[in-house]
Full PDB file with SEQRES, HELIX, SHEET, SSBOND, CRYST1, ORIGX, SCALE, CONECT and MASTER records, all heavy atoms in Angstrom:
SEQRES   1 A   33  PHE LEU ILE ASN ASN ASN LEU ASP LEU ASP LYS GLY LEU          
SEQRES   2 A   33  ASP LEU ILE SER ARG ALA VAL ALA ASN GLU PRO THR ASN          
SEQRES   3 A   33  PRO PHE PHE LEU ASP SER PHE                                  
HELIX    1 AA1 LEU A    9  ASN A   22  1                                  14    
HELIX    2 AA2 PRO A   27  SER A   32  1                                   6    
CRYST1    1.000    1.000    1.000  90.00  90.00  90.00 P 1           1          
ORIGX1      1.000000  0.000000  0.000000        0.00000                         
ORIGX2      0.000000  1.000000  0.000000        0.00000                         
ORIGX3      0.000000  0.000000  1.000000        0.00000                         
SCALE1      1.000000  0.000000  0.000000        0.00000                         
SCALE2      0.000000  1.000000  0.000000        0.00000                         
SCALE3      0.000000  0.000000  1.000000        0.00000                         
ATOM      1  N   PHE A   1       0.830  -1.200  -0.016  1.00  0.00           N  
ATOM      2  CA  PHE A   1      -0.008  -0.016   0.028  1.00  0.00           C  
ATOM      3  C   PHE A   1       0.875   1.257   0.032  1.00  0.00           C  
ATOM      4  O   PHE A   1       0.603   2.212  -0.771  1.00  0.00           O  
ATOM      5  CB  PHE A   1      -0.929  -0.057   1.220  1.00  0.00           C  
ATOM      6  CG  PHE A   1      -1.686   1.292   1.483  1.00  0.00           C  
ATOM      7  CD1 PHE A   1      -2.815   1.575   0.818  1.00  0.00           C  
ATOM      8  CD2 PHE A   1      -1.161   2.228   2.403  1.00  0.00           C  
ATOM      9  CE1 PHE A   1      -3.467   2.788   1.035  1.00  0.00           C  
ATOM     10  CE2 PHE A   1      -1.787   3.421   2.637  1.00  0.00           C  
ATOM     11  CZ  PHE A   1      -2.970   3.704   1.950  1.00  0.00           C  
ATOM     12  N   LEU A   2       1.847   1.261   0.857  1.00  0.00           N  
ATOM     13  CA  LEU A   2       2.749   2.431   0.937  1.00  0.00           C  
ATOM     14  C   LEU A   2       3.469   2.716  -0.350  1.00  0.00           C  
ATOM     15  O   LEU A   2       3.675   3.857  -0.810  1.00  0.00           O  
ATOM     16  CB  LEU A   2       3.717   2.253   2.117  1.00  0.00           C  
ATOM     17  CG  LEU A   2       3.177   2.295   3.501  1.00  0.00           C  
ATOM     18  CD1 LEU A   2       4.258   1.926   4.504  1.00  0.00           C  
ATOM     19  CD2 LEU A   2       2.550   3.615   3.826  1.00  0.00           C  
ATOM     20  N   ILE A   3       3.940   1.590  -0.984  1.00  0.00           N  
ATOM     21  CA  ILE A   3       4.728   1.697  -2.252  1.00  0.00           C  
ATOM     22  C   ILE A   3       3.799   2.059  -3.394  1.00  0.00           C  
ATOM     23  O   ILE A   3       4.140   2.945  -4.172  1.00  0.00           O  
ATOM     24  CB  ILE A   3       5.454   0.404  -2.451  1.00  0.00           C  
ATOM     25  CG1 ILE A   3       6.579   0.277  -1.485  1.00  0.00           C  
ATOM     26  CG2 ILE A   3       6.010   0.302  -3.924  1.00  0.00           C  
ATOM     27  CD1 ILE A   3       7.102  -1.161  -1.327  1.00  0.00           C  
ATOM     28  N   ASN A   4       2.683   1.413  -3.488  1.00  0.00           N  
ATOM     29  CA  ASN A   4       1.797   1.626  -4.666  1.00  0.00           C  
ATOM     30  C   ASN A   4       1.207   3.049  -4.659  1.00  0.00           C  
ATOM     31  O   ASN A   4       0.852   3.555  -5.701  1.00  0.00           O  
ATOM     32  CB  ASN A   4       0.655   0.615  -4.615  1.00  0.00           C  
ATOM     33  CG  ASN A   4       0.268   0.149  -6.054  1.00  0.00           C  
ATOM     34  OD1 ASN A   4       1.109   0.024  -6.905  1.00  0.00           O  
ATOM     35  ND2 ASN A   4      -0.983  -0.101  -6.221  1.00  0.00           N  
ATOM     36  N   ASN A   5       1.148   3.635  -3.472  1.00  0.00           N  
ATOM     37  CA  ASN A   5       0.611   5.013  -3.382  1.00  0.00           C  
ATOM     38  C   ASN A   5       1.702   6.056  -3.226  1.00  0.00           C  
ATOM     39  O   ASN A   5       1.379   7.254  -2.947  1.00  0.00           O  
ATOM     40  CB  ASN A   5      -0.396   5.109  -2.214  1.00  0.00           C  
ATOM     41  CG  ASN A   5      -1.673   4.370  -2.465  1.00  0.00           C  
ATOM     42  OD1 ASN A   5      -2.513   4.818  -3.253  1.00  0.00           O  
ATOM     43  ND2 ASN A   5      -1.850   3.209  -1.899  1.00  0.00           N  
ATOM     44  N   ASN A   6       2.983   5.591  -3.403  1.00  0.00           N  
ATOM     45  CA  ASN A   6       4.131   6.491  -3.341  1.00  0.00           C  
ATOM     46  C   ASN A   6       4.177   7.300  -2.013  1.00  0.00           C  
ATOM     47  O   ASN A   6       4.441   8.521  -1.972  1.00  0.00           O  
ATOM     48  CB  ASN A   6       4.139   7.447  -4.497  1.00  0.00           C  
ATOM     49  CG  ASN A   6       4.276   6.734  -5.865  1.00  0.00           C  
ATOM     50  OD1 ASN A   6       5.192   5.893  -5.982  1.00  0.00           O  
ATOM     51  ND2 ASN A   6       3.414   7.004  -6.828  1.00  0.00           N  
ATOM     52  N   LEU A   7       3.808   6.595  -0.888  1.00  0.00           N  
ATOM     53  CA  LEU A   7       3.806   7.271   0.386  1.00  0.00           C  
ATOM     54  C   LEU A   7       5.091   7.147   1.157  1.00  0.00           C  
ATOM     55  O   LEU A   7       5.538   8.140   1.783  1.00  0.00           O  
ATOM     56  CB  LEU A   7       2.658   6.676   1.227  1.00  0.00           C  
ATOM     57  CG  LEU A   7       1.286   6.891   0.666  1.00  0.00           C  
ATOM     58  CD1 LEU A   7       0.234   6.161   1.480  1.00  0.00           C  
ATOM     59  CD2 LEU A   7       0.909   8.369   0.704  1.00  0.00           C  
ATOM     60  N   ASP A   8       5.682   5.955   1.122  1.00  0.00           N  
ATOM     61  CA  ASP A   8       6.960   5.729   1.894  1.00  0.00           C  
ATOM     62  C   ASP A   8       7.617   4.504   1.336  1.00  0.00           C  
ATOM     63  O   ASP A   8       7.364   3.445   1.852  1.00  0.00           O  
ATOM     64  CB  ASP A   8       6.688   5.641   3.385  1.00  0.00           C  
ATOM     65  CG  ASP A   8       7.954   5.711   4.278  1.00  0.00           C  
ATOM     66  OD1 ASP A   8       9.024   5.411   3.763  1.00  0.00           O  
ATOM     67  OD2 ASP A   8       7.813   6.068   5.403  1.00  0.00           O  
ATOM     68  N   LEU A   9       8.496   4.696   0.306  1.00  0.00           N  
ATOM     69  CA  LEU A   9       9.087   3.540  -0.309  1.00  0.00           C  
ATOM     70  C   LEU A   9       9.972   2.746   0.593  1.00  0.00           C  
ATOM     71  O   LEU A   9       9.985   1.526   0.587  1.00  0.00           O  
ATOM     72  CB  LEU A   9       9.844   4.003  -1.542  1.00  0.00           C  
ATOM     73  CG  LEU A   9       9.058   4.646  -2.710  1.00  0.00           C  
ATOM     74  CD1 LEU A   9       9.985   4.972  -3.839  1.00  0.00           C  
ATOM     75  CD2 LEU A   9       7.972   3.694  -3.129  1.00  0.00           C  
ATOM     76  N   ASP A  10      10.750   3.428   1.389  1.00  0.00           N  
ATOM     77  CA  ASP A  10      11.680   2.756   2.281  1.00  0.00           C  
ATOM     78  C   ASP A  10      10.980   1.916   3.331  1.00  0.00           C  
ATOM     79  O   ASP A  10      11.371   0.812   3.601  1.00  0.00           O  
ATOM     80  CB  ASP A  10      12.599   3.798   2.988  1.00  0.00           C  
ATOM     81  CG  ASP A  10      13.571   4.455   2.007  1.00  0.00           C  
ATOM     82  OD1 ASP A  10      13.956   3.748   1.041  1.00  0.00           O  
ATOM     83  OD2 ASP A  10      13.940   5.624   2.247  1.00  0.00           O  
ATOM     84  N   LYS A  11       9.930   2.514   3.984  1.00  0.00           N  
ATOM     85  CA  LYS A  11       9.194   1.743   4.999  1.00  0.00           C  
ATOM     86  C   LYS A  11       8.446   0.560   4.286  1.00  0.00           C  
ATOM     87  O   LYS A  11       8.446  -0.533   4.866  1.00  0.00           O  
ATOM     88  CB  LYS A  11       8.199   2.659   5.713  1.00  0.00           C  
ATOM     89  CG  LYS A  11       7.420   1.968   6.798  1.00  0.00           C  
ATOM     90  CD  LYS A  11       6.492   2.895   7.544  1.00  0.00           C  
ATOM     91  CE  LYS A  11       5.713   2.142   8.630  1.00  0.00           C  
ATOM     92  NZ  LYS A  11       4.823   3.096   9.367  1.00  0.00           N  
ATOM     93  N   GLY A  12       7.860   0.851   3.193  1.00  0.00           N  
ATOM     94  CA  GLY A  12       7.174  -0.244   2.451  1.00  0.00           C  
ATOM     95  C   GLY A  12       8.096  -1.385   2.121  1.00  0.00           C  
ATOM     96  O   GLY A  12       7.752  -2.528   2.255  1.00  0.00           O  
ATOM     97  N   LEU A  13       9.280  -1.046   1.618  1.00  0.00           N  
ATOM     98  CA  LEU A  13      10.291  -2.100   1.272  1.00  0.00           C  
ATOM     99  C   LEU A  13      10.619  -2.896   2.498  1.00  0.00           C  
ATOM    100  O   LEU A  13      10.787  -4.108   2.431  1.00  0.00           O  
ATOM    101  CB  LEU A  13      11.509  -1.428   0.629  1.00  0.00           C  
ATOM    102  CG  LEU A  13      12.544  -2.385   0.056  1.00  0.00           C  
ATOM    103  CD1 LEU A  13      11.921  -3.218  -1.078  1.00  0.00           C  
ATOM    104  CD2 LEU A  13      13.682  -1.598  -0.481  1.00  0.00           C  
ATOM    105  N   ASP A  14      10.842  -2.193   3.630  1.00  0.00           N  
ATOM    106  CA  ASP A  14      11.227  -2.889   4.892  1.00  0.00           C  
ATOM    107  C   ASP A  14      10.124  -3.862   5.305  1.00  0.00           C  
ATOM    108  O   ASP A  14      10.394  -5.012   5.734  1.00  0.00           O  
ATOM    109  CB  ASP A  14      11.495  -1.895   5.980  1.00  0.00           C  
ATOM    110  CG  ASP A  14      11.778  -2.522   7.300  1.00  0.00           C  
ATOM    111  OD1 ASP A  14      12.753  -3.267   7.411  1.00  0.00           O  
ATOM    112  OD2 ASP A  14      10.965  -2.324   8.251  1.00  0.00           O  
ATOM    113  N   LEU A  15       8.863  -3.419   5.270  1.00  0.00           N  
ATOM    114  CA  LEU A  15       7.748  -4.258   5.714  1.00  0.00           C  
ATOM    115  C   LEU A  15       7.631  -5.482   4.831  1.00  0.00           C  
ATOM    116  O   LEU A  15       7.397  -6.605   5.315  1.00  0.00           O  
ATOM    117  CB  LEU A  15       6.402  -3.455   5.639  1.00  0.00           C  
ATOM    118  CG  LEU A  15       6.265  -2.302   6.626  1.00  0.00           C  
ATOM    119  CD1 LEU A  15       5.045  -1.469   6.333  1.00  0.00           C  
ATOM    120  CD2 LEU A  15       6.243  -2.817   8.060  1.00  0.00           C  
ATOM    121  N   ILE A  16       7.732  -5.271   3.509  1.00  0.00           N  
ATOM    122  CA  ILE A  16       7.599  -6.415   2.590  1.00  0.00           C  
ATOM    123  C   ILE A  16       8.766  -7.418   2.747  1.00  0.00           C  
ATOM    124  O   ILE A  16       8.612  -8.595   2.685  1.00  0.00           O  
ATOM    125  CB  ILE A  16       7.491  -5.929   1.097  1.00  0.00           C  
ATOM    126  CG1 ILE A  16       6.169  -5.141   0.940  1.00  0.00           C  
ATOM    127  CG2 ILE A  16       7.536  -7.073   0.157  1.00  0.00           C  
ATOM    128  CD1 ILE A  16       6.144  -4.306  -0.338  1.00  0.00           C  
ATOM    129  N   SER A  17       9.971  -6.877   2.949  1.00  0.00           N  
ATOM    130  CA  SER A  17      11.105  -7.758   3.150  1.00  0.00           C  
ATOM    131  C   SER A  17      10.932  -8.628   4.381  1.00  0.00           C  
ATOM    132  O   SER A  17      11.360  -9.789   4.335  1.00  0.00           O  
ATOM    133  CB  SER A  17      12.423  -6.960   3.269  1.00  0.00           C  
ATOM    134  OG  SER A  17      12.463  -6.143   4.411  1.00  0.00           O  
ATOM    135  N   ARG A  18      10.264  -8.095   5.426  1.00  0.00           N  
ATOM    136  CA  ARG A  18       9.966  -8.908   6.577  1.00  0.00           C  
ATOM    137  C   ARG A  18       8.944 -10.033   6.291  1.00  0.00           C  
ATOM    138  O   ARG A  18       9.045 -11.124   6.802  1.00  0.00           O  
ATOM    139  CB  ARG A  18       9.430  -8.017   7.709  1.00  0.00           C  
ATOM    140  CG  ARG A  18      10.551  -7.141   8.313  1.00  0.00           C  
ATOM    141  CD  ARG A  18      10.014  -5.992   9.117  1.00  0.00           C  
ATOM    142  NE  ARG A  18       9.171  -6.419  10.217  1.00  0.00           N  
ATOM    143  CZ  ARG A  18       8.510  -5.580  11.063  1.00  0.00           C  
ATOM    144  NH1 ARG A  18       8.610  -4.251  10.825  1.00  0.00           N  
ATOM    145  NH2 ARG A  18       7.820  -6.019  12.012  1.00  0.00           N  
ATOM    146  N   ALA A  19       7.957  -9.694   5.439  1.00  0.00           N  
ATOM    147  CA  ALA A  19       7.034 -10.715   4.991  1.00  0.00           C  
ATOM    148  C   ALA A  19       7.688 -11.839   4.237  1.00  0.00           C  
ATOM    149  O   ALA A  19       7.481 -13.013   4.430  1.00  0.00           O  
ATOM    150  CB  ALA A  19       5.952 -10.058   4.196  1.00  0.00           C  
ATOM    151  N   VAL A  20       8.596 -11.390   3.269  1.00  0.00           N  
ATOM    152  CA  VAL A  20       9.307 -12.413   2.443  1.00  0.00           C  
ATOM    153  C   VAL A  20      10.231 -13.298   3.304  1.00  0.00           C  
ATOM    154  O   VAL A  20      10.314 -14.532   3.087  1.00  0.00           O  
ATOM    155  CB  VAL A  20      10.093 -11.680   1.368  1.00  0.00           C  
ATOM    156  CG1 VAL A  20      10.997 -12.715   0.616  1.00  0.00           C  
ATOM    157  CG2 VAL A  20       9.105 -11.014   0.362  1.00  0.00           C  
ATOM    158  N   ALA A  21      10.854 -12.667   4.334  1.00  0.00           N  
ATOM    159  CA  ALA A  21      11.705 -13.430   5.271  1.00  0.00           C  
ATOM    160  C   ALA A  21      10.898 -14.548   5.930  1.00  0.00           C  
ATOM    161  O   ALA A  21      11.437 -15.663   6.203  1.00  0.00           O  
ATOM    162  CB  ALA A  21      12.326 -12.530   6.282  1.00  0.00           C  
ATOM    163  N   ASN A  22       9.629 -14.331   6.207  1.00  0.00           N  
ATOM    164  CA  ASN A  22       8.740 -15.306   6.810  1.00  0.00           C  
ATOM    165  C   ASN A  22       8.279 -16.376   5.855  1.00  0.00           C  
ATOM    166  O   ASN A  22       8.198 -17.547   6.217  1.00  0.00           O  
ATOM    167  CB  ASN A  22       7.570 -14.668   7.476  1.00  0.00           C  
ATOM    168  CG  ASN A  22       7.848 -14.108   8.858  1.00  0.00           C  
ATOM    169  OD1 ASN A  22       7.774 -14.829   9.827  1.00  0.00           O  
ATOM    170  ND2 ASN A  22       8.122 -12.785   8.927  1.00  0.00           N  
ATOM    171  N   GLU A  23       8.010 -15.958   4.626  1.00  0.00           N  
ATOM    172  CA  GLU A  23       7.504 -16.874   3.630  1.00  0.00           C  
ATOM    173  C   GLU A  23       8.236 -16.618   2.306  1.00  0.00           C  
ATOM    174  O   GLU A  23       7.706 -15.980   1.403  1.00  0.00           O  
ATOM    175  CB  GLU A  23       5.988 -16.763   3.426  1.00  0.00           C  
ATOM    176  CG  GLU A  23       5.184 -17.113   4.705  1.00  0.00           C  
ATOM    177  CD  GLU A  23       3.673 -17.041   4.494  1.00  0.00           C  
ATOM    178  OE1 GLU A  23       3.228 -17.176   3.343  1.00  0.00           O  
ATOM    179  OE2 GLU A  23       3.004 -16.752   5.516  1.00  0.00           O  
ATOM    180  N   PRO A  24       9.431 -17.150   2.134  1.00  0.00           N  
ATOM    181  CA  PRO A  24      10.255 -16.827   0.983  1.00  0.00           C  
ATOM    182  C   PRO A  24       9.784 -17.330  -0.365  1.00  0.00           C  
ATOM    183  O   PRO A  24      10.253 -16.873  -1.374  1.00  0.00           O  
ATOM    184  CB  PRO A  24      11.570 -17.391   1.320  1.00  0.00           C  
ATOM    185  CG  PRO A  24      11.363 -18.414   2.373  1.00  0.00           C  
ATOM    186  CD  PRO A  24      10.163 -17.965   3.096  1.00  0.00           C  
ATOM    187  N   THR A  25       8.811 -18.201  -0.394  1.00  0.00           N  
ATOM    188  CA  THR A  25       8.285 -18.718  -1.672  1.00  0.00           C  
ATOM    189  C   THR A  25       6.845 -18.255  -1.921  1.00  0.00           C  
ATOM    190  O   THR A  25       6.253 -18.765  -2.859  1.00  0.00           O  
ATOM    191  CB  THR A  25       8.367 -20.241  -1.737  1.00  0.00           C  
ATOM    192  OG1 THR A  25       7.577 -20.781  -0.636  1.00  0.00           O  
ATOM    193  CG2 THR A  25       9.766 -20.728  -1.615  1.00  0.00           C  
ATOM    194  N   ASN A  26       6.351 -17.351  -1.123  1.00  0.00           N  
ATOM    195  CA  ASN A  26       4.974 -16.840  -1.337  1.00  0.00           C  
ATOM    196  C   ASN A  26       5.042 -15.892  -2.588  1.00  0.00           C  
ATOM    197  O   ASN A  26       5.649 -14.835  -2.567  1.00  0.00           O  
ATOM    198  CB  ASN A  26       4.508 -16.078  -0.101  1.00  0.00           C  
ATOM    199  CG  ASN A  26       3.125 -15.625  -0.230  1.00  0.00           C  
ATOM    200  OD1 ASN A  26       2.709 -15.028  -1.194  1.00  0.00           O  
ATOM    201  ND2 ASN A  26       2.332 -15.930   0.764  1.00  0.00           N  
ATOM    202  N   PRO A  27       4.309 -16.233  -3.657  1.00  0.00           N  
ATOM    203  CA  PRO A  27       4.431 -15.476  -4.911  1.00  0.00           C  
ATOM    204  C   PRO A  27       3.905 -14.043  -4.791  1.00  0.00           C  
ATOM    205  O   PRO A  27       4.445 -13.159  -5.415  1.00  0.00           O  
ATOM    206  CB  PRO A  27       3.591 -16.276  -5.889  1.00  0.00           C  
ATOM    207  CG  PRO A  27       2.625 -17.071  -5.024  1.00  0.00           C  
ATOM    208  CD  PRO A  27       3.382 -17.404  -3.770  1.00  0.00           C  
ATOM    209  N   PHE A  28       2.917 -13.813  -3.879  1.00  0.00           N  
ATOM    210  CA  PHE A  28       2.365 -12.481  -3.730  1.00  0.00           C  
ATOM    211  C   PHE A  28       3.348 -11.573  -2.944  1.00  0.00           C  
ATOM    212  O   PHE A  28       3.436 -10.417  -3.233  1.00  0.00           O  
ATOM    213  CB  PHE A  28       1.016 -12.595  -3.096  1.00  0.00           C  
ATOM    214  CG  PHE A  28       0.115 -13.549  -3.776  1.00  0.00           C  
ATOM    215  CD1 PHE A  28      -0.200 -14.816  -3.239  1.00  0.00           C  
ATOM    216  CD2 PHE A  28      -0.452 -13.249  -5.019  1.00  0.00           C  
ATOM    217  CE1 PHE A  28      -0.999 -15.699  -3.921  1.00  0.00           C  
ATOM    218  CE2 PHE A  28      -1.237 -14.135  -5.725  1.00  0.00           C  
ATOM    219  CZ  PHE A  28      -1.495 -15.351  -5.144  1.00  0.00           C  
ATOM    220  N   PHE A  29       4.021 -12.204  -2.028  1.00  0.00           N  
ATOM    221  CA  PHE A  29       5.036 -11.418  -1.295  1.00  0.00           C  
ATOM    222  C   PHE A  29       6.196 -11.094  -2.231  1.00  0.00           C  
ATOM    223  O   PHE A  29       6.739  -9.977  -2.195  1.00  0.00           O  
ATOM    224  CB  PHE A  29       5.548 -12.187  -0.064  1.00  0.00           C  
ATOM    225  CG  PHE A  29       4.519 -12.475   0.930  1.00  0.00           C  
ATOM    226  CD1 PHE A  29       4.802 -13.262   2.074  1.00  0.00           C  
ATOM    227  CD2 PHE A  29       3.218 -11.932   0.866  1.00  0.00           C  
ATOM    228  CE1 PHE A  29       3.906 -13.535   3.056  1.00  0.00           C  
ATOM    229  CE2 PHE A  29       2.235 -12.276   1.850  1.00  0.00           C  
ATOM    230  CZ  PHE A  29       2.582 -13.013   2.962  1.00  0.00           C  
ATOM    231  N   LEU A  30       6.588 -12.058  -3.002  1.00  0.00           N  
ATOM    232  CA  LEU A  30       7.710 -11.838  -3.968  1.00  0.00           C  
ATOM    233  C   LEU A  30       7.330 -10.733  -4.957  1.00  0.00           C  
ATOM    234  O   LEU A  30       8.153  -9.947  -5.377  1.00  0.00           O  
ATOM    235  CB  LEU A  30       8.053 -13.144  -4.697  1.00  0.00           C  
ATOM    236  CG  LEU A  30       8.688 -14.232  -3.836  1.00  0.00           C  
ATOM    237  CD1 LEU A  30       8.702 -15.564  -4.613  1.00  0.00           C  
ATOM    238  CD2 LEU A  30      10.081 -13.853  -3.451  1.00  0.00           C  
ATOM    239  N   ASP A  31       6.049 -10.815  -5.421  1.00  0.00           N  
ATOM    240  CA  ASP A  31       5.579  -9.775  -6.362  1.00  0.00           C  
ATOM    241  C   ASP A  31       5.677  -8.403  -5.695  1.00  0.00           C  
ATOM    242  O   ASP A  31       6.171  -7.416  -6.352  1.00  0.00           O  
ATOM    243  CB  ASP A  31       4.122 -10.087  -6.749  1.00  0.00           C  
ATOM    244  CG  ASP A  31       3.509  -8.961  -7.527  1.00  0.00           C  
ATOM    245  OD1 ASP A  31       4.011  -8.594  -8.608  1.00  0.00           O  
ATOM    246  OD2 ASP A  31       2.435  -8.353  -7.066  1.00  0.00           O  
ATOM    247  N   SER A  32       5.234  -8.287  -4.472  1.00  0.00           N  
ATOM    248  CA  SER A  32       5.298  -6.960  -3.789  1.00  0.00           C  
ATOM    249  C   SER A  32       6.745  -6.509  -3.654  1.00  0.00           C  
ATOM    250  O   SER A  32       6.991  -5.323  -3.840  1.00  0.00           O  
ATOM    251  CB  SER A  32       4.659  -7.038  -2.397  1.00  0.00           C  
ATOM    252  OG  SER A  32       3.336  -7.457  -2.498  1.00  0.00           O  
ATOM    253  N   PHE A  33       7.645  -7.475  -3.271  1.00  0.00           N  
ATOM    254  CA  PHE A  33       9.047  -7.107  -3.113  1.00  0.00           C  
ATOM    255  C   PHE A  33       9.661  -6.613  -4.432  1.00  0.00           C  
ATOM    256  O   PHE A  33      10.385  -5.644  -4.515  1.00  0.00           O  
ATOM    257  CB  PHE A  33       9.784  -8.291  -2.566  1.00  0.00           C  
ATOM    258  CG  PHE A  33      11.090  -7.989  -1.840  1.00  0.00           C  
ATOM    259  CD1 PHE A  33      11.428  -6.674  -1.564  1.00  0.00           C  
ATOM    260  CD2 PHE A  33      11.923  -9.022  -1.472  1.00  0.00           C  
ATOM    261  CE1 PHE A  33      12.607  -6.409  -0.931  1.00  0.00           C  
ATOM    262  CE2 PHE A  33      13.091  -8.772  -0.848  1.00  0.00           C  
ATOM    263  CZ  PHE A  33      13.486  -7.403  -0.548  1.00  0.00           C  
TER     264      PHE A  33                                                      
MASTER        0    0    0    2    0    0    0    6  263    1    0    3          
END                                                                             
């Protein structure tokens, strides 16, 4: 949400990277990352 709306790219990237760390093969998390 933060990235798609150009609100806070750095925070958005950090949040998504934490999601990917939990589920590294989740295609939707990989897409967001």
